[in-house]
PDB file of N, CA and C in Angstrom:
ATOM      1  N   MET A   1       0.824  -1.188   0.000  1.00  0.00           N
ATOM      2  CA  MET A   1       0.000   0.000   0.000  1.00  0.00           C
ATOM      3  C   MET A   1       0.868   1.251   0.000  1.00  0.00           C
ATOM      4  N   GLU A   2       1.911   1.243   0.789  1.00  0.00           N
ATOM      5  CA  GLU A   2       2.766   2.428   0.876  1.00  0.00           C
ATOM      6  C   GLU A   2       3.361   2.778  -0.492  1.00  0.00           C
ATOM      7  N   ILE A   3       3.754   1.762  -1.225  1.00  0.00           N
ATOM      8  CA  ILE A   3       4.357   2.000  -2.544  1.00  0.00           C
ATOM      9  C   ILE A   3       3.323   2.613  -3.492  1.00  0.00           C
ATOM     10  N   THR A   4       2.107   2.070  -3.502  1.00  0.00           N
ATOM     11  CA  THR A   4       1.092   2.626  -4.407  1.00  0.00           C
ATOM     12  C   THR A   4       0.753   4.060  -4.040  1.00  0.00           C
ATOM     13  N   GLU A   5       0.776   4.378  -2.755  1.00  0.00           N
ATOM     14  CA  GLU A   5       0.539   5.759  -2.333  1.00  0.00           C
ATOM     15  C   GLU A   5       1.660   6.665  -2.822  1.00  0.00           C
ATOM     16  N   ARG A   6       2.898   6.215  -2.678  1.00  0.00           N
ATOM     17  CA  ARG A   6       4.043   7.039  -3.078  1.00  0.00           C
ATOM     18  C   ARG A   6       4.073   7.311  -4.564  1.00  0.00           C
ATOM     19  N   ILE A   7       3.702   6.312  -5.360  1.00  0.00           N
ATOM     20  CA  ILE A   7       3.767   6.521  -6.804  1.00  0.00           C
ATOM     21  C   ILE A   7       2.456   7.056  -7.374  1.00  0.00           C
ATOM     22  N   GLY A   8       1.454   7.208  -6.529  1.00  0.00           N
ATOM     23  CA  GLY A   8       0.198   7.790  -6.966  1.00  0.00           C
ATOM     24  C   GLY A   8      -0.705   6.838  -7.738  1.00  0.00           C
ATOM     25  N   ASP A   9      -0.527   5.548  -7.567  1.00  0.00           N
ATOM     26  CA  ASP A   9      -1.355   4.560  -8.252  1.00  0.00           C
ATOM     27  C   ASP A   9      -2.623   4.329  -7.429  1.00  0.00           C
ATOM     28  N   VAL A  10      -3.562   5.244  -7.560  1.00  0.00           N
ATOM     29  CA  VAL A  10      -4.753   5.179  -6.713  1.00  0.00           C
ATOM     30  C   VAL A  10      -5.691   4.040  -7.102  1.00  0.00           C
ATOM     31  N   GLN A  11      -5.702   3.643  -8.373  1.00  0.00           N
ATOM     32  CA  GLN A  11      -6.542   2.520  -8.789  1.00  0.00           C
ATOM     33  C   GLN A  11      -6.093   1.246  -8.064  1.00  0.00           C
ATOM     34  N   THR A  12      -4.799   0.984  -8.048  1.00  0.00           N
ATOM     35  CA  THR A  12      -4.281  -0.196  -7.351  1.00  0.00           C
ATOM     36  C   THR A  12      -4.512  -0.071  -5.854  1.00  0.00           C
ATOM     37  N   GLN A  13      -4.360   1.113  -5.326  1.00  0.00           N
ATOM     38  CA  GLN A  13      -4.612   1.334  -3.903  1.00  0.00           C
ATOM     39  C   GLN A  13      -6.064   0.983  -3.572  1.00  0.00           C
ATOM     40  N   ALA A  14      -6.990   1.452  -4.391  1.00  0.00           N
ATOM     41  CA  ALA A  14      -8.406   1.169  -4.149  1.00  0.00           C
ATOM     42  C   ALA A  14      -8.696  -0.326  -4.232  1.00  0.00           C
ATOM     43  N   MET A  15      -8.103  -0.999  -5.214  1.00  0.00           N
ATOM     44  CA  MET A  15      -8.349  -2.427  -5.365  1.00  0.00           C
ATOM     45  C   MET A  15      -7.749  -3.215  -4.201  1.00  0.00           C
ATOM     46  N   THR A  16      -6.615  -2.766  -3.697  1.00  0.00           N
ATOM     47  CA  THR A  16      -5.998  -3.408  -2.536  1.00  0.00           C
ATOM     48  C   THR A  16      -6.886  -3.237  -1.307  1.00  0.00           C
ATOM     49  N   LEU A  17      -7.407  -2.035  -1.116  1.00  0.00           N
ATOM     50  CA  LEU A  17      -8.319  -1.786   0.006  1.00  0.00           C
ATOM     51  C   LEU A  17      -9.569  -2.648  -0.110  1.00  0.00           C
ATOM     52  N   TRP A  18     -10.084  -2.785  -1.322  1.00  0.00           N
ATOM     53  CA  TRP A  18     -11.273  -3.612  -1.554  1.00  0.00           C
ATOM     54  C   TRP A  18     -10.973  -5.060  -1.164  1.00  0.00           C
ATOM     55  N   TRP A  19      -9.826  -5.569  -1.585  1.00  0.00           N
ATOM     56  CA  TRP A  19      -9.444  -6.946  -1.266  1.00  0.00           C
ATOM     57  C   TRP A  19      -9.277  -7.131   0.242  1.00  0.00           C
ATOM     58  N   LEU A  20      -8.630  -6.175   0.903  1.00  0.00           N
ATOM     59  CA  LEU A  20      -8.463  -6.253   2.358  1.00  0.00           C
ATOM     60  C   LEU A  20      -9.822  -6.222   3.054  1.00  0.00           C
ATOM     61  N   GLY A  21     -10.717  -5.410   2.543  1.00  0.00           N
ATOM     62  CA  GLY A  21     -12.070  -5.357   3.095  1.00  0.00           C
ATOM     63  C   GLY A  21     -12.788  -6.681   2.937  1.00  0.00           C
ATOM     64  N   HIS A  22     -12.621  -7.288   1.781  1.00  0.00           N
ATOM     65  CA  HIS A  22     -13.230  -8.598   1.526  1.00  0.00           C
ATOM     66  C   HIS A  22     -12.688  -9.645   2.510  1.00  0.00           C
ATOM     67  N   LEU A  23     -11.389  -9.653   2.697  1.00  0.00           N
ATOM     68  CA  LEU A  23     -10.786 -10.613   3.635  1.00  0.00           C
ATOM     69  C   LEU A  23     -11.270 -10.388   5.060  1.00  0.00           C
ATOM     70  N   ALA A  24     -11.341  -9.122   5.466  1.00  0.00           N
ATOM     71  CA  ALA A  24     -11.831  -8.817   6.816  1.00  0.00           C
ATOM     72  C   ALA A  24     -13.284  -9.264   6.976  1.00  0.00           C
ATOM     73  N   GLU A  25     -14.085  -9.066   5.923  1.00  0.00           N
ATOM     74  CA  GLU A  25     -15.483  -9.507   5.977  1.00  0.00           C
ATOM     75  C   GLU A  25     -15.560 -11.020   6.146  1.00  0.00           C
ATOM     76  N   GLU A  26     -14.765 -11.751   5.401  1.00  0.00           N
ATOM     77  CA  GLU A  26     -14.769 -13.206   5.503  1.00  0.00           C
ATOM     78  C   GLU A  26     -14.396 -13.689   6.900  1.00  0.00           C
ATOM     79  N   GLN A  27     -13.599 -12.899   7.603  1.00  0.00           N
ATOM     80  CA  GLN A  27     -13.192 -13.252   8.961  1.00  0.00           C
ATOM     81  C   GLN A  27     -14.171 -12.728  10.006  1.00  0.00           C
ATOM     82  N   GLY A  28     -15.238 -12.094   9.548  1.00  0.00           N
ATOM     83  CA  GLY A  28     -16.248 -11.573  10.468  1.00  0.00           C
ATOM     84  C   GLY A  28     -15.836 -10.284  11.151  1.00  0.00           C
ATOM     85  N   GLU A  29     -14.804  -9.645  10.657  1.00  0.00           N
ATOM     86  CA  GLU A  29     -14.321  -8.389  11.232  1.00  0.00           C
ATOM     87  C   GLU A  29     -14.934  -7.226  10.436  1.00  0.00           C
ATOM     88  N   TYR A  30     -16.211  -6.966  10.707  1.00  0.00           N
ATOM     89  CA  TYR A  30     -16.977  -6.030   9.893  1.00  0.00           C
ATOM     90  C   TYR A  30     -16.530  -4.579  10.046  1.00  0.00           C
ATOM     91  N   THR A  31     -16.154  -4.180  11.236  1.00  0.00           N
ATOM     92  CA  THR A  31     -15.677  -2.809  11.428  1.00  0.00           C
ATOM     93  C   THR A  31     -14.398  -2.586  10.635  1.00  0.00           C
ATOM     94  N   LYS A  32     -13.509  -3.557  10.676  1.00  0.00           N
ATOM     95  CA  LYS A  32     -12.263  -3.467   9.912  1.00  0.00           C
ATOM     96  C   LYS A  32     -12.564  -3.459   8.410  1.00  0.00           C
ATOM     97  N   ALA A  33     -13.503  -4.295   7.997  1.00  0.00           N
ATOM     98  CA  ALA A  33     -13.876  -4.344   6.580  1.00  0.00           C
ATOM     99  C   ALA A  33     -14.386  -2.984   6.112  1.00  0.00           C
ATOM    100  N   ILE A  34     -15.211  -2.355   6.904  1.00  0.00           N
ATOM    101  CA  ILE A  34     -15.741  -1.026   6.554  1.00  0.00           C
ATOM    102  C   ILE A  34     -14.603  -0.023   6.443  1.00  0.00           C
ATOM    103  N   SER A  35     -13.615  -0.132   7.334  1.00  0.00           N
ATOM    104  CA  SER A  35     -12.502   0.824   7.314  1.00  0.00           C
ATOM    105  C   SER A  35     -11.664   0.693   6.043  1.00  0.00           C
ATOM    106  N   TYR A  36     -11.723  -0.445   5.379  1.00  0.00           N
ATOM    107  CA  TYR A  36     -11.041  -0.629   4.098  1.00  0.00           C
ATOM    108  C   TYR A  36     -11.955  -0.280   2.917  1.00  0.00           C
ATOM    109  N   LEU A  37     -13.192  -0.720   3.001  1.00  0.00           N
ATOM    110  CA  LEU A  37     -14.102  -0.557   1.874  1.00  0.00           C
ATOM    111  C   LEU A  37     -14.513   0.896   1.644  1.00  0.00           C
ATOM    112  N   GLN A  38     -14.703   1.643   2.718  1.00  0.00           N
ATOM    113  CA  GLN A  38     -15.139   3.036   2.563  1.00  0.00           C
ATOM    114  C   GLN A  38     -14.130   3.869   1.762  1.00  0.00           C
ATOM    115  N   PRO A  39     -12.840   3.859   2.116  1.00  0.00           N
ATOM    116  CA  PRO A  39     -11.893   4.632   1.302  1.00  0.00           C
ATOM    117  C   PRO A  39     -11.748   4.075  -0.114  1.00  0.00           C
ATOM    118  N   ALA A  40     -11.878   2.757  -0.270  1.00  0.00           N
ATOM    119  CA  ALA A  40     -11.819   2.179  -1.616  1.00  0.00           C
ATOM    120  C   ALA A  40     -12.949   2.742  -2.470  1.00  0.00           C
ATOM    121  N   LEU A  41     -14.141   2.795  -1.893  1.00  0.00           N
ATOM    122  CA  LEU A  41     -15.288   3.332  -2.610  1.00  0.00           C
ATOM    123  C   LEU A  41     -15.086   4.799  -2.972  1.00  0.00           C
ATOM    124  N   GLU A  42     -14.583   5.574  -2.036  1.00  0.00           N
ATOM    125  CA  GLU A  42     -14.360   6.995  -2.299  1.00  0.00           C
ATOM    126  C   GLU A  42     -13.373   7.212  -3.444  1.00  0.00           C
ATOM    127  N   ILE A  43     -12.301   6.436  -3.452  1.00  0.00           N
ATOM    128  CA  ILE A  43     -11.302   6.552  -4.526  1.00  0.00           C
ATOM    129  C   ILE A  43     -11.925   6.182  -5.866  1.00  0.00           C
ATOM    130  N   LEU A  44     -12.634   5.064  -5.897  1.00  0.00           N
ATOM    131  CA  LEU A  44     -13.212   4.601  -7.155  1.00  0.00           C
ATOM    132  C   LEU A  44     -14.292   5.549  -7.670  1.00  0.00           C
ATOM    133  N   GLN A  45     -15.033   6.170  -6.761  1.00  0.00           N
ATOM    134  CA  GLN A  45     -16.020   7.164  -7.190  1.00  0.00           C
ATOM    135  C   GLN A  45     -15.328   8.357  -7.845  1.00  0.00           C
ATOM    136  N   ARG A  46     -14.226   8.805  -7.253  1.00  0.00           N
ATOM    137  CA  ARG A  46     -13.477   9.927  -7.843  1.00  0.00           C
ATOM    138  C   ARG A  46     -12.948   9.572  -9.223  1.00  0.00           C
ATOM    139  N   LEU A  47     -12.540   8.321  -9.390  1.00  0.00           N
ATOM    140  CA  LEU A  47     -12.002   7.858 -10.673  1.00  0.00           C
ATOM    141  C   LEU A  47     -13.094   7.512 -11.680  1.00  0.00           C
ATOM    142  N   LYS A  48     -14.346   7.518 -11.215  1.00  0.00           N
ATOM    143  CA  LYS A  48     -15.472   7.085 -12.045  1.00  0.00           C
ATOM    144  C   LYS A  48     -15.236   5.669 -12.596  1.00  0.00           C
ATOM    145  N   SER A  49     -14.735   4.818 -11.724  1.00  0.00           N
ATOM    146  CA  SER A  49     -14.389   3.445 -12.082  1.00  0.00           C
ATOM    147  C   SER A  49     -15.644   2.576 -12.194  1.00  0.00           C
ATOM    148  N   PRO A  50     -15.656   1.654 -13.138  1.00  0.00           N
ATOM    149  CA  PRO A  50     -16.768   0.706 -13.207  1.00  0.00           C
ATOM    150  C   PRO A  50     -16.830  -0.234 -11.999  1.00  0.00           C
ATOM    151  N   ASP A  51     -15.760  -0.304 -11.222  1.00  0.00           N
ATOM    152  CA  ASP A  51     -15.745  -1.153 -10.021  1.00  0.00           C
ATOM    153  C   ASP A  51     -16.492  -0.516  -8.852  1.00  0.00           C
ATOM    154  N   THR A  52     -16.899   0.739  -9.002  1.00  0.00           N
ATOM    155  CA  THR A  52     -17.578   1.451  -7.923  1.00  0.00           C
ATOM    156  C   THR A  52     -18.806   0.685  -7.438  1.00  0.00           C
ATOM    157  N   GLU A  53     -19.600   0.176  -8.370  1.00  0.00           N
ATOM    158  CA  GLU A  53     -20.828  -0.529  -7.994  1.00  0.00           C
ATOM    159  C   GLU A  53     -20.537  -1.786  -7.175  1.00  0.00           C
ATOM    160  N   SER A  54     -19.509  -2.508  -7.530  1.00  0.00           N
ATOM    161  CA  SER A  54     -19.171  -3.733  -6.798  1.00  0.00           C
ATOM    162  C   SER A  54     -18.696  -3.438  -5.387  1.00  0.00           C
ATOM    163  N   VAL A  55     -17.874  -2.402  -5.254  1.00  0.00           N
ATOM    164  CA  VAL A  55     -17.389  -2.030  -3.923  1.00  0.00           C
ATOM    165  C   VAL A  55     -18.541  -1.504  -3.081  1.00  0.00           C
ATOM    166  N   SER A  56     -19.420  -0.728  -3.697  1.00  0.00           N
ATOM    167  CA  SER A  56     -20.585  -0.213  -2.978  1.00  0.00           C
ATOM    168  C   SER A  56     -21.457  -1.361  -2.473  1.00  0.00           C
ATOM    169  N   ALA A  57     -21.648  -2.372  -3.302  1.00  0.00           N
ATOM    170  CA  ALA A  57     -22.434  -3.540  -2.886  1.00  0.00           C
ATOM    171  C   ALA A  57     -21.757  -4.283  -1.733  1.00  0.00           C
ATOM    172  N   SER A  58     -20.446  -4.402  -1.798  1.00  0.00           N
ATOM    173  CA  SER A  58     -19.681  -5.050  -0.715  1.00  0.00           C
ATOM    174  C   SER A  58     -19.855  -4.277   0.581  1.00  0.00           C
ATOM    175  N   LEU A  59     -19.726  -2.961   0.481  1.00  0.00           N
ATOM    176  CA  LEU A  59     -19.865  -2.121   1.671  1.00  0.00           C
ATOM    177  C   LEU A  59     -21.265  -2.208   2.249  1.00  0.00           C
ATOM    178  N   ASP A  60     -22.291  -2.194   1.402  1.00  0.00           N
ATOM    179  CA  ASP A  60     -23.675  -2.333   1.875  1.00  0.00           C
ATOM    180  C   ASP A  60     -23.877  -3.663   2.597  1.00  0.00           C
ATOM    181  N   ARG A  61     -23.317  -4.727   2.026  1.00  0.00           N
ATOM    182  CA  ARG A  61     -23.448  -6.054   2.635  1.00  0.00           C
ATOM    183  C   ARG A  61     -22.786  -6.095   4.014  1.00  0.00           C
ATOM    184  N   VAL A  62     -21.589  -5.540   4.096  1.00  0.00           N
ATOM    185  CA  VAL A  62     -20.842  -5.543   5.365  1.00  0.00           C
ATOM    186  C   VAL A  62     -21.588  -4.697   6.409  1.00  0.00           C
ATOM    187  N   MET A  63     -22.082  -3.550   5.983  1.00  0.00           N
ATOM    188  CA  MET A  63     -22.779  -2.679   6.932  1.00  0.00           C
ATOM    189  C   MET A  63     -24.066  -3.334   7.441  1.00  0.00           C
ATOM    190  N   GLY A  64     -24.655  -4.172   6.615  1.00  0.00           N
ATOM    191  CA  GLY A  64     -25.841  -4.913   7.038  1.00  0.00           C
ATOM    192  C   GLY A  64     -25.514  -5.975   8.067  1.00  0.00           C
ATOM    193  N   ASN A  65     -24.276  -6.438   8.079  1.00  0.00           N
ATOM    194  CA  ASN A  65     -23.844  -7.472   9.033  1.00  0.00           C
ATOM    195  C   ASN A  65     -23.246  -6.910  10.307  1.00  0.00           C
ATOM    196  N   SER A  66     -22.904  -5.635  10.287  1.00  0.00           N
ATOM    197  CA  SER A  66     -22.219  -5.084  11.475  1.00  0.00           C
ATOM    198  C   SER A  66     -23.188  -4.612  12.523  1.00  0.00           C
TER     199      SER A  66
END
């Protein structure tokens, strides 16, 4: 993550956060999952990424479980 931040690769940063959020969700750590998914969603929204909808759905699912 630190490397992607330094080089400004925000797309990779967002995808990494999404993956970490997914892993935290699978472990039942919903608060941690939200802490990863929320910034991922914000980045992808700024980029107008097609992945925005998938991350938003993940975040909605996690928030429903927390």
